[in-house]
Amino acid sequence: MTTENNNSNTGIGFWGALGILFIGLKLGGVIDWSWWIVLAPLWGPLALVAFIVLLALIFYALSDWMWR
């Protein structure tokens, strides 16, 4: 007997929903924020991951350099 497990995540997610909300509020004139802040939920998580990877690479390079 075989069982198939089809787990697919097709939701928009928290950050996508927050981005759509901010864009709607900006276009509706409710908020007067910069577009950088309005679009932050869309690029923010990627920037955070890139920052953590950069810190890890710097830490790795410095630890390798210190132990030579």
PDB file of N, CA and C in Angstrom:
ATOM      1  N   MET A   1       0.848  -1.178   0.000  1.00  0.00           N
ATOM      2  CA  MET A   1       0.000   0.000   0.000  1.00  0.00           C
ATOM      3  C   MET A   1       0.892   1.240   0.000  1.00  0.00           C
ATOM      4  N   THR A   2       0.672   2.106  -0.937  1.00  0.00           N
ATOM      5  CA  THR A   2       1.446   3.338  -1.008  1.00  0.00           C
ATOM      6  C   THR A   2       0.553   4.518  -0.633  1.00  0.00           C
ATOM      7  N   THR A   3       1.173   5.442  -0.001  1.00  0.00           N
ATOM      8  CA  THR A   3       0.445   6.671   0.348  1.00  0.00           C
ATOM      9  C   THR A   3       1.150   7.847  -0.300  1.00  0.00           C
ATOM     10  N   GLU A   4       0.358   8.690  -0.896  1.00  0.00           N
ATOM     11  CA  GLU A   4       0.911   9.890  -1.516  1.00  0.00           C
ATOM     12  C   GLU A   4       0.688  11.062  -0.588  1.00  0.00           C
ATOM     13  N   ASN A   5       1.716  11.843  -0.430  1.00  0.00           N
ATOM     14  CA  ASN A   5       1.629  13.015   0.423  1.00  0.00           C
ATOM     15  C   ASN A   5       1.874  14.240  -0.445  1.00  0.00           C
ATOM     16  N   ASN A   6       0.804  14.905  -0.815  1.00  0.00           N
ATOM     17  CA  ASN A   6       0.906  16.084  -1.667  1.00  0.00           C
ATOM     18  C   ASN A   6       0.741  17.334  -0.821  1.00  0.00           C
ATOM     19  N   ASN A   7       1.809  17.736  -0.180  1.00  0.00           N
ATOM     20  CA  ASN A   7       1.779  18.979   0.592  1.00  0.00           C
ATOM     21  C   ASN A   7       2.264  20.108  -0.296  1.00  0.00           C
ATOM     22  N   SER A   8       1.363  20.989  -0.649  1.00  0.00           N
ATOM     23  CA  SER A   8       1.757  22.141  -1.444  1.00  0.00           C
ATOM     24  C   SER A   8       1.294  23.393  -0.728  1.00  0.00           C
ATOM     25  N   ASN A   9       2.188  24.318  -0.602  1.00  0.00           N
ATOM     26  CA  ASN A   9       1.894  25.569   0.075  1.00  0.00           C
ATOM     27  C   ASN A   9       1.625  26.625  -0.991  1.00  0.00           C
ATOM     28  N   THR A  10       0.357  26.952  -1.194  1.00  0.00           N
ATOM     29  CA  THR A  10       0.005  27.867  -2.266  1.00  0.00           C
ATOM     30  C   THR A  10      -0.487  29.205  -1.752  1.00  0.00           C
ATOM     31  N   GLY A  11      -0.334  29.459  -0.468  1.00  0.00           N
ATOM     32  CA  GLY A  11      -0.797  30.720   0.097  1.00  0.00           C
ATOM     33  C   GLY A  11       0.136  31.864  -0.234  1.00  0.00           C
ATOM     34  N   ILE A  12      -0.351  33.071  -0.016  1.00  0.00           N
ATOM     35  CA  ILE A  12       0.447  34.256  -0.318  1.00  0.00           C
ATOM     36  C   ILE A  12       1.480  34.520   0.773  1.00  0.00           C
ATOM     37  N   GLY A  13       1.200  34.156   1.983  1.00  0.00           N
ATOM     38  CA  GLY A  13       2.129  34.346   3.074  1.00  0.00           C
ATOM     39  C   GLY A  13       1.960  35.696   3.754  1.00  0.00           C
ATOM     40  N   PHE A  14       2.562  35.798   4.924  1.00  0.00           N
ATOM     41  CA  PHE A  14       2.418  37.003   5.735  1.00  0.00           C
ATOM     42  C   PHE A  14       3.045  38.227   5.070  1.00  0.00           C
ATOM     43  N   TRP A  15       4.271  38.072   4.575  1.00  0.00           N
ATOM     44  CA  TRP A  15       4.978  39.229   4.013  1.00  0.00           C
ATOM     45  C   TRP A  15       4.325  39.714   2.722  1.00  0.00           C
ATOM     46  N   GLY A  16       3.834  38.796   1.914  1.00  0.00           N
ATOM     47  CA  GLY A  16       3.139  39.186   0.698  1.00  0.00           C
ATOM     48  C   GLY A  16       1.846  39.929   0.993  1.00  0.00           C
ATOM     49  N   ALA A  17       1.090  39.426   1.973  1.00  0.00           N
ATOM     50  CA  ALA A  17      -0.162  40.090   2.352  1.00  0.00           C
ATOM     51  C   ALA A  17       0.111  41.472   2.931  1.00  0.00           C
ATOM     52  N   LEU A  18       1.146  41.585   3.745  1.00  0.00           N
ATOM     53  CA  LEU A  18       1.501  42.885   4.315  1.00  0.00           C
ATOM     54  C   LEU A  18       1.938  43.856   3.216  1.00  0.00           C
ATOM     55  N   GLY A  19       2.677  43.352   2.220  1.00  0.00           N
ATOM     56  CA  GLY A  19       3.078  44.190   1.095  1.00  0.00           C
ATOM     57  C   GLY A  19       1.889  44.688   0.304  1.00  0.00           C
ATOM     58  N   ILE A  20       0.935  43.803   0.038  1.00  0.00           N
ATOM     59  CA  ILE A  20      -0.271  44.211  -0.691  1.00  0.00           C
ATOM     60  C   ILE A  20      -1.071  45.225   0.115  1.00  0.00           C
ATOM     61  N   LEU A  21      -1.166  45.020   1.428  1.00  0.00           N
ATOM     62  CA  LEU A  21      -1.877  45.967   2.287  1.00  0.00           C
ATOM     63  C   LEU A  21      -1.227  47.343   2.242  1.00  0.00           C
ATOM     64  N   PHE A  22       0.093  47.394   2.380  1.00  0.00           N
ATOM     65  CA  PHE A  22       0.804  48.678   2.360  1.00  0.00           C
ATOM     66  C   PHE A  22       0.657  49.376   1.012  1.00  0.00           C
ATOM     67  N   ILE A  23       0.740  48.607  -0.076  1.00  0.00           N
ATOM     68  CA  ILE A  23       0.589  49.201  -1.415  1.00  0.00           C
ATOM     69  C   ILE A  23      -0.815  49.774  -1.575  1.00  0.00           C
ATOM     70  N   GLY A  24      -1.820  49.039  -1.114  1.00  0.00           N
ATOM     71  CA  GLY A  24      -3.187  49.538  -1.188  1.00  0.00           C
ATOM     72  C   GLY A  24      -3.392  50.799  -0.361  1.00  0.00           C
ATOM     73  N   LEU A  25      -2.823  50.818   0.830  1.00  0.00           N
ATOM     74  CA  LEU A  25      -2.942  52.008   1.671  1.00  0.00           C
ATOM     75  C   LEU A  25      -2.220  53.204   1.054  1.00  0.00           C
ATOM     76  N   LYS A  26      -1.072  52.965   0.430  1.00  0.00           N
ATOM     77  CA  LYS A  26      -0.322  54.046  -0.209  1.00  0.00           C
ATOM     78  C   LYS A  26      -1.086  54.589  -1.423  1.00  0.00           C
ATOM     79  N   LEU A  27      -1.595  53.709  -2.261  1.00  0.00           N
ATOM     80  CA  LEU A  27      -2.326  54.145  -3.450  1.00  0.00           C
ATOM     81  C   LEU A  27      -3.659  54.792  -3.087  1.00  0.00           C
ATOM     82  N   GLY A  28      -4.235  54.392  -1.960  1.00  0.00           N
ATOM     83  CA  GLY A  28      -5.480  54.987  -1.505  1.00  0.00           C
ATOM     84  C   GLY A  28      -5.306  56.305  -0.779  1.00  0.00           C
ATOM     85  N   GLY A  29      -4.069  56.699  -0.556  1.00  0.00           N
ATOM     86  CA  GLY A  29      -3.793  57.966   0.106  1.00  0.00           C
ATOM     87  C   GLY A  29      -3.949  57.934   1.614  1.00  0.00           C
ATOM     88  N   VAL A  30      -4.039  56.749   2.190  1.00  0.00           N
ATOM     89  CA  VAL A  30      -4.201  56.630   3.641  1.00  0.00           C
ATOM     90  C   VAL A  30      -2.879  56.892   4.356  1.00  0.00           C
ATOM     91  N   ILE A  31      -1.791  56.402   3.791  1.00  0.00           N
ATOM     92  CA  ILE A  31      -0.472  56.612   4.384  1.00  0.00           C
ATOM     93  C   ILE A  31       0.376  57.446   3.427  1.00  0.00           C
ATOM     94  N   ASP A  32       1.315  58.173   3.971  1.00  0.00           N
ATOM     95  CA  ASP A  32       2.193  59.029   3.170  1.00  0.00           C
ATOM     96  C   ASP A  32       3.649  58.616   3.368  1.00  0.00           C
ATOM     97  N   TRP A  33       3.883  57.310   3.312  1.00  0.00           N
ATOM     98  CA  TRP A  33       5.221  56.775   3.506  1.00  0.00           C
ATOM     99  C   TRP A  33       5.983  56.774   2.188  1.00  0.00           C
ATOM    100  N   SER A  34       7.294  56.678   2.289  1.00  0.00           N
ATOM    101  CA  SER A  34       8.140  56.507   1.111  1.00  0.00           C
ATOM    102  C   SER A  34       7.873  55.125   0.508  1.00  0.00           C
ATOM    103  N   TRP A  35       8.087  55.019  -0.806  1.00  0.00           N
ATOM    104  CA  TRP A  35       7.882  53.731  -1.454  1.00  0.00           C
ATOM    105  C   TRP A  35       8.867  52.690  -0.950  1.00  0.00           C
ATOM    106  N   TRP A  36      10.038  53.105  -0.476  1.00  0.00           N
ATOM    107  CA  TRP A  36      11.008  52.165   0.101  1.00  0.00           C
ATOM    108  C   TRP A  36      10.412  51.459   1.312  1.00  0.00           C
ATOM    109  N   ILE A  37       9.696  52.207   2.144  1.00  0.00           N
ATOM    110  CA  ILE A  37       9.086  51.624   3.334  1.00  0.00           C
ATOM    111  C   ILE A  37       7.866  50.790   2.953  1.00  0.00           C
ATOM    112  N   VAL A  38       7.088  51.275   2.001  1.00  0.00           N
ATOM    113  CA  VAL A  38       5.890  50.553   1.575  1.00  0.00           C
ATOM    114  C   VAL A  38       6.268  49.185   1.002  1.00  0.00           C
ATOM    115  N   LEU A  39       7.342  49.122   0.239  1.00  0.00           N
ATOM    116  CA  LEU A  39       7.755  47.869  -0.389  1.00  0.00           C
ATOM    117  C   LEU A  39       8.695  47.034   0.478  1.00  0.00           C
ATOM    118  N   ALA A  40       8.992  47.490   1.684  1.00  0.00           N
ATOM    119  CA  ALA A  40       9.899  46.770   2.584  1.00  0.00           C
ATOM    120  C   ALA A  40       9.453  45.334   2.878  1.00  0.00           C
ATOM    121  N   PRO A  41       8.162  45.042   3.041  1.00  0.00           N
ATOM    122  CA  PRO A  41       7.792  43.640   3.271  1.00  0.00           C
ATOM    123  C   PRO A  41       8.136  42.719   2.104  1.00  0.00           C
ATOM    124  N   LEU A  42       8.322  43.267   0.922  1.00  0.00           N
ATOM    125  CA  LEU A  42       8.646  42.440  -0.239  1.00  0.00           C
ATOM    126  C   LEU A  42      10.150  42.199  -0.364  1.00  0.00           C
ATOM    127  N   TRP A  43      10.978  43.205  -0.076  1.00  0.00           N
ATOM    128  CA  TRP A  43      12.424  43.027  -0.207  1.00  0.00           C
ATOM    129  C   TRP A  43      13.117  42.855   1.144  1.00  0.00           C
ATOM    130  N   GLY A  44      12.445  43.168   2.222  1.00  0.00           N
ATOM    131  CA  GLY A  44      13.054  43.099   3.548  1.00  0.00           C
ATOM    132  C   GLY A  44      13.544  41.721   3.960  1.00  0.00           C
ATOM    133  N   PRO A  45      12.724  40.669   3.840  1.00  0.00           N
ATOM    134  CA  PRO A  45      13.205  39.335   4.230  1.00  0.00           C
ATOM    135  C   PRO A  45      14.410  38.878   3.413  1.00  0.00           C
ATOM    136  N   LEU A  46      14.437  39.193   2.127  1.00  0.00           N
ATOM    137  CA  LEU A  46      15.589  38.834   1.298  1.00  0.00           C
ATOM    138  C   LEU A  46      16.832  39.600   1.736  1.00  0.00           C
ATOM    139  N   ALA A  47      16.669  40.876   2.060  1.00  0.00           N
ATOM    140  CA  ALA A  47      17.791  41.676   2.533  1.00  0.00           C
ATOM    141  C   ALA A  47      18.313  41.150   3.867  1.00  0.00           C
ATOM    142  N   LEU A  48      17.411  40.702   4.734  1.00  0.00           N
ATOM    143  CA  LEU A  48      17.825  40.156   6.026  1.00  0.00           C
ATOM    144  C   LEU A  48      18.628  38.871   5.849  1.00  0.00           C
ATOM    145  N   VAL A  49      18.191  37.998   4.965  1.00  0.00           N
ATOM    146  CA  VAL A  49      18.924  36.764   4.692  1.00  0.00           C
ATOM    147  C   VAL A  49      20.291  37.078   4.086  1.00  0.00           C
ATOM    148  N   ALA A  50      20.347  38.019   3.158  1.00  0.00           N
ATOM    149  CA  ALA A  50      21.620  38.404   2.549  1.00  0.00           C
ATOM    150  C   ALA A  50      22.567  38.984   3.600  1.00  0.00           C
ATOM    151  N   PHE A  51      22.044  39.772   4.525  1.00  0.00           N
ATOM    152  CA  PHE A  51      22.859  40.344   5.592  1.00  0.00           C
ATOM    153  C   PHE A  51      23.413  39.260   6.506  1.00  0.00           C
ATOM    154  N   ILE A  52      22.596  38.267   6.846  1.00  0.00           N
ATOM    155  CA  ILE A  52      23.059  37.177   7.707  1.00  0.00           C
ATOM    156  C   ILE A  52      24.126  36.345   7.002  1.00  0.00           C
ATOM    157  N   VAL A  53      23.934  36.087   5.707  1.00  0.00           N
ATOM    158  CA  VAL A  53      24.936  35.343   4.941  1.00  0.00           C
ATOM    159  C   VAL A  53      26.237  36.137   4.863  1.00  0.00           C
ATOM    160  N   LEU A  54      26.145  37.444   4.659  1.00  0.00           N
ATOM    161  CA  LEU A  54      27.342  38.284   4.612  1.00  0.00           C
ATOM    162  C   LEU A  54      28.081  38.259   5.945  1.00  0.00           C
ATOM    163  N   LEU A  55      27.357  38.344   7.048  1.00  0.00           N
ATOM    164  CA  LEU A  55      27.991  38.261   8.368  1.00  0.00           C
ATOM    165  C   LEU A  55      28.661  36.910   8.583  1.00  0.00           C
ATOM    166  N   ALA A  56      28.004  35.846   8.132  1.00  0.00           N
ATOM    167  CA  ALA A  56      28.591  34.512   8.275  1.00  0.00           C
ATOM    168  C   ALA A  56      29.872  34.384   7.452  1.00  0.00           C
ATOM    169  N   LEU A  57      29.872  34.939   6.247  1.00  0.00           N
ATOM    170  CA  LEU A  57      31.073  34.888   5.415  1.00  0.00           C
ATOM    171  C   LEU A  57      32.209  35.702   6.025  1.00  0.00           C
ATOM    172  N   ILE A  58      31.893  36.860   6.569  1.00  0.00           N
ATOM    173  CA  ILE A  58      32.917  37.688   7.222  1.00  0.00           C
ATOM    174  C   ILE A  58      33.467  36.960   8.441  1.00  0.00           C
ATOM    175  N   PHE A  59      32.579  36.371   9.241  1.00  0.00           N
ATOM    176  CA  PHE A  59      33.021  35.621  10.418  1.00  0.00           C
ATOM    177  C   PHE A  59      33.908  34.454  10.018  1.00  0.00           C
ATOM    178  N   TYR A  60      33.528  33.741   8.962  1.00  0.00           N
ATOM    179  CA  TYR A  60      34.323  32.610   8.493  1.00  0.00           C
ATOM    180  C   TYR A  60      35.700  33.072   8.008  1.00  0.00           C
ATOM    181  N   ALA A  61      35.732  34.166   7.257  1.00  0.00           N
ATOM    182  CA  ALA A  61      37.008  34.674   6.745  1.00  0.00           C
ATOM    183  C   ALA A  61      37.906  35.136   7.880  1.00  0.00           C
ATOM    184  N   LEU A  62      37.335  35.816   8.859  1.00  0.00           N
ATOM    185  CA  LEU A  62      38.146  36.292   9.983  1.00  0.00           C
ATOM    186  C   LEU A  62      38.617  35.149  10.864  1.00  0.00           C
ATOM    187  N   SER A  63      37.772  34.148  11.083  1.00  0.00           N
ATOM    188  CA  SER A  63      38.186  33.026  11.917  1.00  0.00           C
ATOM    189  C   SER A  63      39.264  32.206  11.213  1.00  0.00           C
ATOM    190  N   ASP A  64      39.171  32.071   9.901  1.00  0.00           N
ATOM    191  CA  ASP A  64      40.203  31.361   9.155  1.00  0.00           C
ATOM    192  C   ASP A  64      41.512  32.146   9.181  1.00  0.00           C
ATOM    193  N   TRP A  65      41.426  33.472   9.079  1.00  0.00           N
ATOM    194  CA  TRP A  65      42.611  34.308   9.105  1.00  0.00           C
ATOM    195  C   TRP A  65      43.260  34.329  10.479  1.00  0.00           C
ATOM    196  N   MET A  66      42.465  34.314  11.553  1.00  0.00           N
ATOM    197  CA  MET A  66      42.998  34.402  12.903  1.00  0.00           C
ATOM    198  C   MET A  66      43.705  33.136  13.328  1.00  0.00           C
ATOM    199  N   TRP A  67      43.325  31.983  12.781  1.00  0.00           N
ATOM    200  CA  TRP A  67      43.894  30.713  13.220  1.00  0.00           C
ATOM    201  C   TRP A  67      45.016  30.214  12.335  1.00  0.00           C
ATOM    202  N   ARG A  68      45.540  31.067  11.472  1.00  0.00           N
ATOM    203  CA  ARG A  68      46.691  30.663  10.646  1.00  0.00           C
ATOM    204  C   ARG A  68      47.976  30.846  11.378  1.00  0.00           C
TER     205      ARG A  68
END
